[in-house]
C-alpha atoms as a PDB file:
ATOM      1  CA  MET A   1      -9.494   1.712   7.835  1.00  0.00           C
ATOM      2  CA  SER A   2      -6.235   1.105   6.028  1.00  0.00           C
ATOM      3  CA  ASN A   3      -4.619   3.441   3.537  1.00  0.00           C
ATOM      4  CA  ASN A   4      -2.136   0.722   2.625  1.00  0.00           C
ATOM      5  CA  PRO A   5      -3.264  -1.421  -0.356  1.00  0.00           C
ATOM      6  CA  ASN A   6      -0.954  -4.192   0.889  1.00  0.00           C
ATOM      7  CA  LEU A   7      -3.241  -4.606   3.896  1.00  0.00           C
ATOM      8  CA  LEU A   8      -6.495  -4.798   1.938  1.00  0.00           C
ATOM      9  CA  SER A   9      -8.214  -8.098   1.386  1.00  0.00           C
ATOM     10  CA  PRO A  10      -7.839  -9.586  -2.099  1.00  0.00           C
ATOM     11  CA  LEU A  11     -11.583  -9.241  -2.604  1.00  0.00           C
ATOM     12  CA  SER A  12     -11.390  -5.521  -1.816  1.00  0.00           C
ATOM     13  CA  LEU A  13      -8.618  -5.203  -4.394  1.00  0.00           C
ATOM     14  CA  ALA A  14     -10.760  -7.160  -6.884  1.00  0.00           C
ATOM     15  CA  PHE A  15     -13.733  -4.881  -6.152  1.00  0.00           C
ATOM     16  CA  VAL A  16     -11.693  -1.866  -7.259  1.00  0.00           C
ATOM     17  CA  GLY A  17      -9.969  -3.792 -10.047  1.00  0.00           C
ATOM     18  CA  ASP A  18     -13.288  -4.799 -11.582  1.00  0.00           C
ATOM     19  CA  ALA A  19     -14.195  -1.140 -12.014  1.00  0.00           C
ATOM     20  CA  VAL A  20     -10.725  -0.211 -13.300  1.00  0.00           C
ATOM     21  CA  PHE A  21     -10.660  -3.068 -15.818  1.00  0.00           C
ATOM     22  CA  THR A  22     -14.203  -2.332 -17.030  1.00  0.00           C
ATOM     23  CA  LEU A  23     -13.458   1.374 -17.408  1.00  0.00           C
ATOM     24  CA  GLU A  24     -10.332   0.645 -19.460  1.00  0.00           C
ATOM     25  CA  VAL A  25     -12.286  -1.695 -21.766  1.00  0.00           C
ATOM     26  CA  ARG A  26     -15.067   0.868 -22.190  1.00  0.00           C
ATOM     27  CA  LYS A  27     -12.581   3.660 -22.876  1.00  0.00           C
ATOM     28  CA  ARG A  28     -10.870   1.697 -25.615  1.00  0.00           C
ATOM     29  CA  ILE A  29     -14.136   0.566 -27.212  1.00  0.00           C
ATOM     30  CA  VAL A  30     -15.588   4.088 -27.240  1.00  0.00           C
ATOM     31  CA  LEU A  31     -12.409   5.618 -28.653  1.00  0.00           C
ATOM     32  CA  ASP A  32     -12.173   2.896 -31.304  1.00  0.00           C
ATOM     33  CA  LYS A  33     -15.451   3.679 -33.006  1.00  0.00           C
ATOM     34  CA  ASN A  34     -18.548   5.729 -32.282  1.00  0.00           C
ATOM     35  CA  ARG A  35     -21.463   3.299 -31.889  1.00  0.00           C
ATOM     36  CA  PRO A  36     -24.906   3.142 -30.299  1.00  0.00           C
ATOM     37  CA  VAL A  37     -24.786   2.544 -26.544  1.00  0.00           C
ATOM     38  CA  ASN A  38     -26.384  -0.892 -26.846  1.00  0.00           C
ATOM     39  CA  ASP A  39     -23.591  -1.949 -29.215  1.00  0.00           C
ATOM     40  CA  LEU A  40     -21.004  -0.522 -26.810  1.00  0.00           C
ATOM     41  CA  HIS A  41     -22.466  -2.607 -23.991  1.00  0.00           C
ATOM     42  CA  LYS A  42     -22.486  -5.798 -26.069  1.00  0.00           C
ATOM     43  CA  GLU A  43     -18.873  -5.220 -27.119  1.00  0.00           C
ATOM     44  CA  THR A  44     -17.817  -4.541 -23.522  1.00  0.00           C
ATOM     45  CA  THR A  45     -19.364  -7.764 -22.226  1.00  0.00           C
ATOM     46  CA  LYS A  46     -17.209  -9.739 -24.669  1.00  0.00           C
ATOM     47  CA  PHE A  47     -14.174  -8.611 -22.682  1.00  0.00           C
ATOM     48  CA  VAL A  48     -15.530  -8.154 -19.169  1.00  0.00           C
ATOM     49  CA  ASN A  49     -16.471 -11.689 -18.221  1.00  0.00           C
ATOM     50  CA  ALA A  50     -14.749 -14.451 -16.306  1.00  0.00           C
ATOM     51  CA  ALA A  51     -13.728 -16.517 -19.343  1.00  0.00           C
ATOM     52  CA  SER A  52     -12.096 -13.583 -21.169  1.00  0.00           C
ATOM     53  CA  GLN A  53     -10.440 -12.292 -18.022  1.00  0.00           C
ATOM     54  CA  ALA A  54      -9.100 -15.765 -17.185  1.00  0.00           C
ATOM     55  CA  GLN A  55      -7.649 -15.993 -20.694  1.00  0.00           C
ATOM     56  CA  ALA A  56      -6.131 -12.527 -20.264  1.00  0.00           C
ATOM     57  CA  ILE A  57      -4.344 -13.268 -16.991  1.00  0.00           C
ATOM     58  CA  LYS A  58      -2.937 -16.502 -18.391  1.00  0.00           C
ATOM     59  CA  LYS A  59      -1.303 -14.418 -21.138  1.00  0.00           C
ATOM     60  CA  LEU A  60       0.086 -11.989 -18.558  1.00  0.00           C
ATOM     61  CA  LEU A  61       1.502 -14.513 -16.085  1.00  0.00           C
ATOM     62  CA  PRO A  62       4.873 -14.868 -17.873  1.00  0.00           C
ATOM     63  CA  VAL A  63       5.533 -11.104 -17.639  1.00  0.00           C
ATOM     64  CA  LEU A  64       4.379 -10.457 -14.074  1.00  0.00           C
ATOM     65  CA  SER A  65       6.846  -9.563 -11.336  1.00  0.00           C
ATOM     66  CA  GLU A  66       6.968 -11.730  -8.225  1.00  0.00           C
ATOM     67  CA  GLU A  67       4.973  -9.100  -6.360  1.00  0.00           C
ATOM     68  CA  GLU A  68       2.308  -8.914  -9.088  1.00  0.00           C
ATOM     69  CA  GLU A  69       2.050 -12.693  -9.277  1.00  0.00           C
ATOM     70  CA  ALA A  70       1.610 -12.857  -5.499  1.00  0.00           C
ATOM     71  CA  ILE A  71      -1.261 -10.354  -5.676  1.00  0.00           C
ATOM     72  CA  PHE A  72      -2.855 -12.368  -8.500  1.00  0.00           C
ATOM     73  CA  ARG A  73      -2.564 -15.595  -6.460  1.00  0.00           C
ATOM     74  CA  ARG A  74      -4.127 -13.934  -3.410  1.00  0.00           C
ATOM     75  CA  GLY A  75      -7.077 -12.871  -5.547  1.00  0.00           C
ATOM     76  CA  ARG A  76      -7.360 -16.208  -7.308  1.00  0.00           C
ATOM     77  CA  ASN A  77      -7.329 -18.119  -4.030  1.00  0.00           C
ATOM     78  CA  ALA A  78      -9.780 -15.843  -2.201  1.00  0.00           C
ATOM     79  CA  HIS A  79     -12.996 -17.435  -1.023  1.00  0.00           C
ATOM     80  CA  THR A  80     -15.673 -15.352  -2.682  1.00  0.00           C
ATOM     81  CA  GLY A  81     -18.702 -17.163  -1.293  1.00  0.00           C
ATOM     82  CA  HIS A  82     -20.186 -16.790  -4.755  1.00  0.00           C
ATOM     83  CA  THR A  83     -21.100 -19.449  -7.289  1.00  0.00           C
ATOM     84  CA  PRO A  84     -20.596 -18.098 -10.806  1.00  0.00           C
ATOM     85  CA  LYS A  85     -23.499 -18.245 -13.258  1.00  0.00           C
ATOM     86  CA  ASN A  86     -22.699 -19.397 -16.782  1.00  0.00           C
ATOM     87  CA  GLN A  87     -18.948 -19.345 -16.038  1.00  0.00           C
ATOM     88  CA  SER A  88     -16.599 -22.047 -14.824  1.00  0.00           C
ATOM     89  CA  GLU A  89     -15.477 -21.777 -11.228  1.00  0.00           C
ATOM     90  CA  GLY A  90     -11.842 -21.907 -12.373  1.00  0.00           C
ATOM     91  CA  ASP A  91     -12.319 -18.997 -14.774  1.00  0.00           C
ATOM     92  CA  TYR A  92     -14.115 -17.053 -12.061  1.00  0.00           C
ATOM     93  CA  HIS A  93     -11.189 -17.457  -9.655  1.00  0.00           C
ATOM     94  CA  TYR A  94      -8.649 -16.470 -12.312  1.00  0.00           C
ATOM     95  CA  ALA A  95     -10.770 -13.426 -13.195  1.00  0.00           C
ATOM     96  CA  THR A  96     -10.886 -12.440  -9.520  1.00  0.00           C
ATOM     97  CA  GLY A  97      -7.089 -12.688  -9.446  1.00  0.00           C
ATOM     98  CA  LEU A  98      -6.801 -10.438 -12.502  1.00  0.00           C
ATOM     99  CA  GLU A  99      -9.156  -7.902 -10.936  1.00  0.00           C
ATOM    100  CA  ALA A 100      -7.182  -7.986  -7.673  1.00  0.00           C
ATOM    101  CA  LEU A 101      -3.996  -7.271  -9.619  1.00  0.00           C
ATOM    102  CA  PHE A 102      -5.546  -4.317 -11.465  1.00  0.00           C
ATOM    103  CA  GLY A 103      -7.031  -3.009  -8.208  1.00  0.00           C
ATOM    104  CA  TYR A 104      -3.640  -3.228  -6.520  1.00  0.00           C
ATOM    105  CA  LEU A 105      -1.841  -1.484  -9.386  1.00  0.00           C
ATOM    106  CA  PHE A 106      -4.460   1.273  -9.406  1.00  0.00           C
ATOM    107  CA  LEU A 107      -4.359   1.802  -5.638  1.00  0.00           C
ATOM    108  CA  THR A 108      -0.554   1.905  -5.606  1.00  0.00           C
ATOM    109  CA  ASN A 109      -0.569   4.492  -8.423  1.00  0.00           C
ATOM    110  CA  ARG A 110       1.221   2.193 -10.866  1.00  0.00           C
ATOM    111  CA  ASN A 111      -0.751   3.495 -13.791  1.00  0.00           C
ATOM    112  CA  GLU A 112       2.032   3.022 -16.331  1.00  0.00           C
ATOM    113  CA  ARG A 113       2.387  -0.643 -15.400  1.00  0.00           C
ATOM    114  CA  MET A 114      -1.377  -1.088 -15.455  1.00  0.00           C
ATOM    115  CA  THR A 115      -1.518   0.390 -18.959  1.00  0.00           C
ATOM    116  CA  GLU A 116       1.425  -1.737 -20.075  1.00  0.00           C
ATOM    117  CA  LEU A 117      -0.302  -4.922 -18.921  1.00  0.00           C
ATOM    118  CA  PHE A 118      -3.630  -3.880 -20.395  1.00  0.00           C
ATOM    119  CA  ASP A 119      -1.924  -3.105 -23.716  1.00  0.00           C
ATOM    120  CA  LEU A 120      -0.611  -6.680 -23.775  1.00  0.00           C
ATOM    121  CA  ILE A 121      -4.098  -8.018 -23.159  1.00  0.00           C
ATOM    122  CA  TRP A 122      -5.715  -5.711 -25.687  1.00  0.00           C
ATOM    123  CA  SER A 123      -3.168  -6.490 -28.397  1.00  0.00           C
ATOM    124  CA  GLU A 124      -4.169 -10.144 -28.064  1.00  0.00           C
ATOM    125  CA  ASN A 125      -7.826  -9.102 -28.463  1.00  0.00           C
ATOM    126  CA  LEU A 126      -8.799 -10.936 -25.262  1.00  0.00           C
ATOM    127  CA  GLY A 127     -10.955 -13.406 -27.085  1.00  0.00           C
END
């Protein structure tokens, strides 16, 4: 087992990043307005899907450091062995790259940077 996030596979980073990204979306939706849980779920799925996440990372690419862009590319280029349902394969790979980046930032305790990037995404309303 490795305690070094640099040695983790991009899919392991994406596994963590998926949870981190989803939690951040849910937090912001819940704090925005009190709603029934079913409405919260529907609102969350607007943001946590391959198409929205692909759009989000494309907005972030110009502001990423070389290191962050390298992590994104590793995630994007990873062979998932999964065929996406109702999503384009390109969007799915970009979304995996975004999740890998958020997983990496979380595991390296770069919470301020993670919040900064998420703020940029959120201010664009993702979709």
